[in-house]
Every structure is written in C-alpha cells, then in structure tokens.
Amino acid sequence: MRRQTLAQLRSLGFRSYRAYLLSDLWKANKARLKLRKSCWVCRSRTDLHAHHASYLNIGREQPGDVVVLCKTCHRGTHNLAKHYRLPLETAHTSYKAYKAGTFVPTRKPVKKKRRKRM
C-alpha cells in the first residue's frame, strides 16, 4: 500500500487499511456504489468481494474504483500481482486475461528464495 493512500486513510481517522475495510464508512460506500452481483472475471455469484481497482478516492470511492470479484478470483488477482510484481490497481484485468489464456507478462516472475538447510 502506498504512503499516500495510508495518509488519506489517516486523514479520515483510520489507522490502517484493514480498519477502513471494517468500518461503517466502507460498508456505506459499498452500498452506495451498487456493486454488481457477479464476479467480474468468472461471473460467479457466490462469495463476492470488493477489490479496489484504484486507491485514489479511498474513503469516497467512485463506481470505477471498485471491482467485484469472487473469493477465488480475488485471491488469484493478488497472487498474480505478487508473482509478477503487478500494481494491484490493474491486476484484476491481468488475472482476467490469465484465466482466458491471453495473459502476456511484461515482467519476469519473482523467484522464491530457497531456504538453506543446516
């Protein structure tokens, strides 16, 4: 998470992103946005999550700032972003391409460090 985003959250009275996600303000913002009822990637209608596609308007999100993803696609989006060092703001579009078989990485994957055995 960027320092600017954390500064915005602190100016709204939140100590962390998690505190914001647990707040009544976030619940009200989600309700106001009238989020779609299916996953943006796979169209699943179960276990839906709201994924921030942009943090610019955090605390006063606009309709394009939040994307609805099912739990599986949300986890996959974050894993793909971590593996290829993608910005979370665009990772959901890369994950949709990945699921469709059309994803072309622009960066090399992050190699896992192996632990030395003693």
N, C-alpha and C. Protein backbone atom coordinates (compact mmCIF):
# COMPACT_ATOMS: atom_id res chain seq x y z
N MET A 1 0.85 -1.18 0.00
CA MET A 1 0.00 0.00 0.00
C MET A 1 0.89 1.24 0.00
N ARG A 2 0.52 2.18 -0.78
CA ARG A 2 1.32 3.39 -0.91
C ARG A 2 1.17 4.30 0.31
N ARG A 3 2.20 5.08 0.57
CA ARG A 3 2.16 6.00 1.71
C ARG A 3 1.06 7.03 1.54
N GLN A 4 0.83 7.45 0.30
CA GLN A 4 -0.22 8.45 0.04
C GLN A 4 -1.59 7.91 0.44
N THR A 5 -1.84 6.64 0.13
CA THR A 5 -3.11 6.02 0.49
C THR A 5 -3.26 5.94 2.00
N LEU A 6 -2.18 5.54 2.68
CA LEU A 6 -2.23 5.48 4.14
C LEU A 6 -2.44 6.86 4.74
N ALA A 7 -1.84 7.87 4.14
CA ALA A 7 -2.03 9.24 4.63
C ALA A 7 -3.49 9.66 4.45
N GLN A 8 -4.10 9.28 3.32
CA GLN A 8 -5.51 9.59 3.10
C GLN A 8 -6.38 8.91 4.16
N LEU A 9 -6.08 7.64 4.44
CA LEU A 9 -6.85 6.90 5.44
C LEU A 9 -6.69 7.53 6.82
N ARG A 10 -5.48 7.93 7.14
CA ARG A 10 -5.24 8.56 8.45
C ARG A 10 -5.97 9.89 8.56
N SER A 11 -6.06 10.62 7.45
CA SER A 11 -6.79 11.89 7.48
C SER A 11 -8.28 11.67 7.71
N LEU A 12 -8.77 10.46 7.38
CA LEU A 12 -10.17 10.11 7.63
C LEU A 12 -10.36 9.49 9.02
N GLY A 13 -9.25 9.31 9.75
CA GLY A 13 -9.33 8.79 11.12
C GLY A 13 -9.09 7.29 11.24
N PHE A 14 -8.54 6.66 10.20
CA PHE A 14 -8.28 5.21 10.24
C PHE A 14 -6.79 4.96 10.39
N ARG A 15 -6.44 4.00 11.23
CA ARG A 15 -5.02 3.70 11.46
C ARG A 15 -4.46 2.79 10.39
N SER A 16 -5.33 2.05 9.70
CA SER A 16 -4.84 1.09 8.69
C SER A 16 -5.93 0.86 7.64
N TYR A 17 -5.52 0.22 6.56
CA TYR A 17 -6.45 -0.16 5.50
C TYR A 17 -7.47 -1.16 6.04
N ARG A 18 -7.00 -2.09 6.86
CA ARG A 18 -7.90 -3.08 7.46
C ARG A 18 -8.97 -2.40 8.32
N ALA A 19 -8.57 -1.41 9.09
CA ALA A 19 -9.53 -0.68 9.93
C ALA A 19 -10.59 -0.02 9.06
N TYR A 20 -10.17 0.52 7.92
CA TYR A 20 -11.13 1.13 6.99
C TYR A 20 -12.10 0.09 6.45
N LEU A 21 -11.57 -1.08 6.05
CA LEU A 21 -12.44 -2.13 5.49
C LEU A 21 -13.44 -2.66 6.51
N LEU A 22 -13.14 -2.52 7.78
CA LEU A 22 -14.06 -2.98 8.83
C LEU A 22 -15.03 -1.88 9.29
N SER A 23 -14.88 -0.69 8.72
CA SER A 23 -15.64 0.47 9.19
C SER A 23 -17.03 0.59 8.57
N ASP A 24 -17.87 1.37 9.23
CA ASP A 24 -19.20 1.67 8.70
C ASP A 24 -19.10 2.53 7.44
N LEU A 25 -18.06 3.36 7.34
CA LEU A 25 -17.87 4.19 6.15
C LEU A 25 -17.70 3.32 4.91
N TRP A 26 -16.86 2.28 5.00
CA TRP A 26 -16.65 1.38 3.86
C TRP A 26 -17.94 0.64 3.52
N LYS A 27 -18.66 0.19 4.54
CA LYS A 27 -19.94 -0.51 4.29
C LYS A 27 -20.92 0.41 3.59
N ALA A 28 -20.97 1.65 4.01
CA ALA A 28 -21.86 2.63 3.37
C ALA A 28 -21.43 2.92 1.93
N ASN A 29 -20.11 3.04 1.72
CA ASN A 29 -19.61 3.28 0.37
C ASN A 29 -19.91 2.13 -0.56
N LYS A 30 -19.76 0.90 -0.07
CA LYS A 30 -20.09 -0.27 -0.90
C LYS A 30 -21.56 -0.27 -1.27
N ALA A 31 -22.42 0.04 -0.31
CA ALA A 31 -23.86 0.08 -0.58
C ALA A 31 -24.19 1.19 -1.57
N ARG A 32 -23.55 2.33 -1.44
CA ARG A 32 -23.80 3.46 -2.32
C ARG A 32 -23.37 3.17 -3.76
N LEU A 33 -22.31 2.39 -3.92
CA LEU A 33 -21.79 2.11 -5.25
C LEU A 33 -22.65 1.14 -6.04
N LYS A 34 -23.58 0.46 -5.37
CA LYS A 34 -24.46 -0.50 -6.04
C LYS A 34 -23.65 -1.48 -6.88
N LEU A 35 -22.77 -2.19 -6.22
CA LEU A 35 -21.86 -3.10 -6.89
C LEU A 35 -22.61 -4.24 -7.58
N ARG A 36 -22.04 -4.72 -8.66
CA ARG A 36 -22.67 -5.79 -9.43
C ARG A 36 -22.82 -7.06 -8.58
N LYS A 37 -23.64 -7.95 -9.01
CA LYS A 37 -23.97 -9.15 -8.23
C LYS A 37 -23.23 -10.39 -8.71
N SER A 38 -22.21 -10.21 -9.56
CA SER A 38 -21.43 -11.35 -10.02
C SER A 38 -19.97 -10.95 -10.19
N CYS A 39 -19.10 -11.95 -10.17
CA CYS A 39 -17.66 -11.73 -10.30
C CYS A 39 -17.34 -11.16 -11.68
N TRP A 40 -16.48 -10.15 -11.72
CA TRP A 40 -16.08 -9.50 -12.96
C TRP A 40 -15.30 -10.44 -13.87
N VAL A 41 -14.60 -11.43 -13.29
CA VAL A 41 -13.77 -12.35 -14.07
C VAL A 41 -14.56 -13.57 -14.53
N CYS A 42 -15.17 -14.29 -13.58
CA CYS A 42 -15.77 -15.60 -13.91
C CYS A 42 -17.29 -15.63 -13.85
N ARG A 43 -17.91 -14.52 -13.46
CA ARG A 43 -19.37 -14.39 -13.37
C ARG A 43 -20.00 -15.20 -12.24
N SER A 44 -19.18 -15.73 -11.33
CA SER A 44 -19.72 -16.45 -10.18
C SER A 44 -20.57 -15.49 -9.35
N ARG A 45 -21.58 -16.03 -8.68
CA ARG A 45 -22.45 -15.21 -7.85
C ARG A 45 -22.28 -15.52 -6.36
N THR A 46 -21.27 -16.34 -6.02
CA THR A 46 -21.08 -16.71 -4.62
C THR A 46 -19.79 -16.15 -4.06
N ASP A 47 -19.81 -15.86 -2.77
CA ASP A 47 -18.64 -15.40 -2.01
C ASP A 47 -17.94 -14.22 -2.68
N LEU A 48 -18.70 -13.15 -2.90
CA LEU A 48 -18.19 -11.98 -3.62
C LEU A 48 -17.42 -11.03 -2.71
N HIS A 49 -16.36 -10.44 -3.26
CA HIS A 49 -15.52 -9.48 -2.56
C HIS A 49 -15.44 -8.20 -3.38
N ALA A 50 -15.20 -7.09 -2.72
CA ALA A 50 -14.96 -5.82 -3.42
C ALA A 50 -13.46 -5.59 -3.47
N HIS A 51 -12.91 -5.45 -4.67
CA HIS A 51 -11.47 -5.24 -4.88
C HIS A 51 -11.25 -3.81 -5.33
N HIS A 52 -10.37 -3.10 -4.65
CA HIS A 52 -10.07 -1.72 -5.06
C HIS A 52 -9.25 -1.74 -6.34
N ALA A 53 -9.82 -1.23 -7.41
CA ALA A 53 -9.10 -1.08 -8.68
C ALA A 53 -8.30 0.22 -8.66
N SER A 54 -8.65 1.12 -7.77
CA SER A 54 -7.93 2.38 -7.61
C SER A 54 -8.05 2.83 -6.16
N TYR A 55 -6.95 3.36 -5.65
CA TYR A 55 -6.94 3.88 -4.29
C TYR A 55 -6.98 5.41 -4.26
N LEU A 56 -7.10 6.03 -5.42
CA LEU A 56 -7.06 7.49 -5.48
C LEU A 56 -8.18 8.15 -4.67
N ASN A 57 -9.36 7.56 -4.69
CA ASN A 57 -10.51 8.15 -4.00
C ASN A 57 -10.88 7.37 -2.74
N ILE A 58 -9.90 6.77 -2.10
CA ILE A 58 -10.21 5.94 -0.94
C ILE A 58 -10.94 6.76 0.13
N GLY A 59 -12.02 6.19 0.61
CA GLY A 59 -12.87 6.89 1.57
C GLY A 59 -14.04 7.58 0.90
N ARG A 60 -13.93 7.81 -0.39
CA ARG A 60 -15.02 8.41 -1.18
C ARG A 60 -15.01 7.79 -2.59
N GLU A 61 -14.99 6.46 -2.62
CA GLU A 61 -14.86 5.70 -3.85
C GLU A 61 -15.94 6.06 -4.87
N GLN A 62 -15.52 6.03 -6.13
CA GLN A 62 -16.42 6.25 -7.27
C GLN A 62 -16.70 4.88 -7.89
N PRO A 63 -17.72 4.78 -8.76
CA PRO A 63 -18.07 3.47 -9.34
C PRO A 63 -16.91 2.71 -9.99
N GLY A 64 -15.99 3.37 -10.67
CA GLY A 64 -14.89 2.67 -11.32
C GLY A 64 -13.74 2.31 -10.41
N ASP A 65 -13.82 2.71 -9.15
CA ASP A 65 -12.72 2.46 -8.21
C ASP A 65 -12.76 1.07 -7.59
N VAL A 66 -13.89 0.40 -7.68
CA VAL A 66 -14.07 -0.90 -7.03
C VAL A 66 -14.61 -1.91 -8.03
N VAL A 67 -14.02 -3.11 -8.02
CA VAL A 67 -14.43 -4.20 -8.91
C VAL A 67 -14.89 -5.37 -8.04
N VAL A 68 -15.96 -6.04 -8.43
CA VAL A 68 -16.46 -7.19 -7.69
C VAL A 68 -15.78 -8.45 -8.22
N LEU A 69 -15.18 -9.20 -7.29
CA LEU A 69 -14.53 -10.47 -7.62
C LEU A 69 -14.99 -11.53 -6.64
N CYS A 70 -15.10 -12.78 -7.10
CA CYS A 70 -15.39 -13.88 -6.17
C CYS A 70 -14.11 -14.14 -5.37
N LYS A 71 -14.23 -14.92 -4.31
CA LYS A 71 -13.10 -15.19 -3.43
C LYS A 71 -11.93 -15.79 -4.21
N THR A 72 -12.21 -16.74 -5.09
CA THR A 72 -11.16 -17.41 -5.86
C THR A 72 -10.43 -16.43 -6.78
N CYS A 73 -11.19 -15.61 -7.51
CA CYS A 73 -10.58 -14.66 -8.43
C CYS A 73 -9.87 -13.53 -7.68
N HIS A 74 -10.38 -13.15 -6.52
CA HIS A 74 -9.73 -12.12 -5.71
C HIS A 74 -8.37 -12.62 -5.24
N ARG A 75 -8.35 -13.85 -4.73
CA ARG A 75 -7.09 -14.44 -4.29
C ARG A 75 -6.13 -14.59 -5.48
N GLY A 76 -6.66 -15.05 -6.61
CA GLY A 76 -5.84 -15.20 -7.81
C GLY A 76 -5.27 -13.88 -8.30
N THR A 77 -6.07 -12.82 -8.21
CA THR A 77 -5.61 -11.49 -8.60
C THR A 77 -4.43 -11.05 -7.75
N HIS A 78 -4.54 -11.22 -6.44
CA HIS A 78 -3.46 -10.83 -5.54
C HIS A 78 -2.22 -11.71 -5.74
N ASN A 79 -2.43 -13.01 -5.96
CA ASN A 79 -1.29 -13.90 -6.18
C ASN A 79 -0.56 -13.56 -7.48
N LEU A 80 -1.30 -13.28 -8.54
CA LEU A 80 -0.69 -12.92 -9.82
C LEU A 80 0.07 -11.60 -9.69
N ALA A 81 -0.53 -10.65 -8.97
CA ALA A 81 0.13 -9.36 -8.76
C ALA A 81 1.44 -9.54 -8.00
N LYS A 82 1.42 -10.40 -7.00
CA LYS A 82 2.63 -10.63 -6.21
C LYS A 82 3.68 -11.37 -7.04
N HIS A 83 3.25 -12.38 -7.79
CA HIS A 83 4.17 -13.21 -8.56
C HIS A 83 4.87 -12.42 -9.67
N TYR A 84 4.13 -11.53 -10.33
CA TYR A 84 4.68 -10.76 -11.45
C TYR A 84 4.94 -9.29 -11.09
N ARG A 85 4.84 -8.94 -9.81
CA ARG A 85 5.04 -7.57 -9.34
C ARG A 85 4.17 -6.57 -10.12
N LEU A 86 2.90 -6.90 -10.24
CA LEU A 86 1.95 -6.03 -10.92
C LEU A 86 1.31 -5.08 -9.93
N PRO A 87 0.95 -3.88 -10.35
CA PRO A 87 0.20 -3.00 -9.44
C PRO A 87 -1.19 -3.56 -9.18
N LEU A 88 -1.62 -3.54 -7.93
CA LEU A 88 -2.94 -4.09 -7.60
C LEU A 88 -4.07 -3.38 -8.33
N GLU A 89 -3.84 -2.13 -8.71
CA GLU A 89 -4.88 -1.37 -9.40
C GLU A 89 -5.25 -1.98 -10.75
N THR A 90 -4.31 -2.67 -11.39
CA THR A 90 -4.59 -3.25 -12.71
C THR A 90 -4.52 -4.78 -12.71
N ALA A 91 -4.22 -5.36 -11.58
CA ALA A 91 -4.03 -6.81 -11.50
C ALA A 91 -5.29 -7.60 -11.88
N HIS A 92 -6.47 -7.05 -11.61
CA HIS A 92 -7.69 -7.79 -11.93
C HIS A 92 -7.85 -7.96 -13.44
N THR A 93 -7.42 -6.99 -14.25
CA THR A 93 -7.51 -7.14 -15.70
C THR A 93 -6.50 -8.17 -16.19
N SER A 94 -5.31 -8.20 -15.57
CA SER A 94 -4.31 -9.21 -15.92
C SER A 94 -4.80 -10.60 -15.55
N TYR A 95 -5.49 -10.71 -14.40
CA TYR A 95 -5.99 -12.02 -13.98
C TYR A 95 -7.09 -12.51 -14.92
N LYS A 96 -7.92 -11.60 -15.39
CA LYS A 96 -8.97 -11.99 -16.34
C LYS A 96 -8.32 -12.52 -17.63
N ALA A 97 -7.27 -11.87 -18.10
CA ALA A 97 -6.54 -12.34 -19.28
C ALA A 97 -5.87 -13.68 -18.99
N TYR A 98 -5.33 -13.84 -17.78
CA TYR A 98 -4.70 -15.09 -17.38
C TYR A 98 -5.72 -16.24 -17.44
N LYS A 99 -6.90 -16.00 -16.91
CA LYS A 99 -7.95 -17.03 -16.93
C LYS A 99 -8.38 -17.36 -18.35
N ALA A 100 -8.35 -16.36 -19.24
CA ALA A 100 -8.76 -16.57 -20.63
C ALA A 100 -7.63 -17.17 -21.47
N GLY A 101 -6.42 -17.26 -20.89
CA GLY A 101 -5.29 -17.81 -21.61
C GLY A 101 -4.59 -16.81 -22.51
N THR A 102 -4.86 -15.53 -22.31
CA THR A 102 -4.25 -14.50 -23.16
C THR A 102 -3.29 -13.59 -22.39
N PHE A 103 -2.94 -13.94 -21.17
CA PHE A 103 -2.05 -13.11 -20.35
C PHE A 103 -0.63 -13.21 -20.87
N VAL A 104 -0.03 -12.07 -21.14
CA VAL A 104 1.37 -12.00 -21.55
C VAL A 104 2.09 -11.13 -20.51
N PRO A 105 2.92 -11.75 -19.66
CA PRO A 105 3.58 -10.97 -18.61
C PRO A 105 4.56 -9.96 -19.19
N THR A 106 4.59 -8.80 -18.60
CA THR A 106 5.54 -7.76 -19.02
C THR A 106 6.76 -7.75 -18.12
N ARG A 107 6.70 -8.52 -17.04
CA ARG A 107 7.83 -8.63 -16.12
C ARG A 107 8.09 -10.09 -15.84
N LYS A 108 9.32 -10.39 -15.47
CA LYS A 108 9.66 -11.76 -15.11
C LYS A 108 9.08 -12.07 -13.74
N PRO A 109 8.70 -13.33 -13.53
CA PRO A 109 8.15 -13.68 -12.21
C PRO A 109 9.21 -13.55 -11.12
N VAL A 110 8.74 -13.31 -9.93
CA VAL A 110 9.61 -13.22 -8.76
C VAL A 110 10.00 -14.64 -8.37
N LYS A 111 11.28 -14.89 -8.24
CA LYS A 111 11.74 -16.22 -7.85
C LYS A 111 11.69 -16.35 -6.34
N LYS A 112 11.22 -17.48 -5.89
CA LYS A 112 11.18 -17.74 -4.45
C LYS A 112 12.57 -18.08 -3.97
N LYS A 113 12.95 -17.52 -2.84
CA LYS A 113 14.24 -17.83 -2.25
C LYS A 113 14.16 -19.16 -1.54
N ARG A 114 15.15 -19.99 -1.80
CA ARG A 114 15.18 -21.29 -1.13
C ARG A 114 15.89 -21.15 0.22
N ARG A 115 15.34 -21.85 1.17
CA ARG A 115 15.95 -21.83 2.50
C ARG A 115 17.15 -22.78 2.52
N LYS A 116 18.18 -22.35 3.18
CA LYS A 116 19.37 -23.19 3.31
C LYS A 116 19.14 -24.20 4.41
N ARG A 117 19.51 -25.42 4.11
CA ARG A 117 19.40 -26.47 5.13
C ARG A 117 20.65 -26.47 5.98
N MET A 118 20.44 -26.69 7.23
CA MET A 118 21.58 -26.73 8.16
C MET A 118 21.94 -28.15 8.47
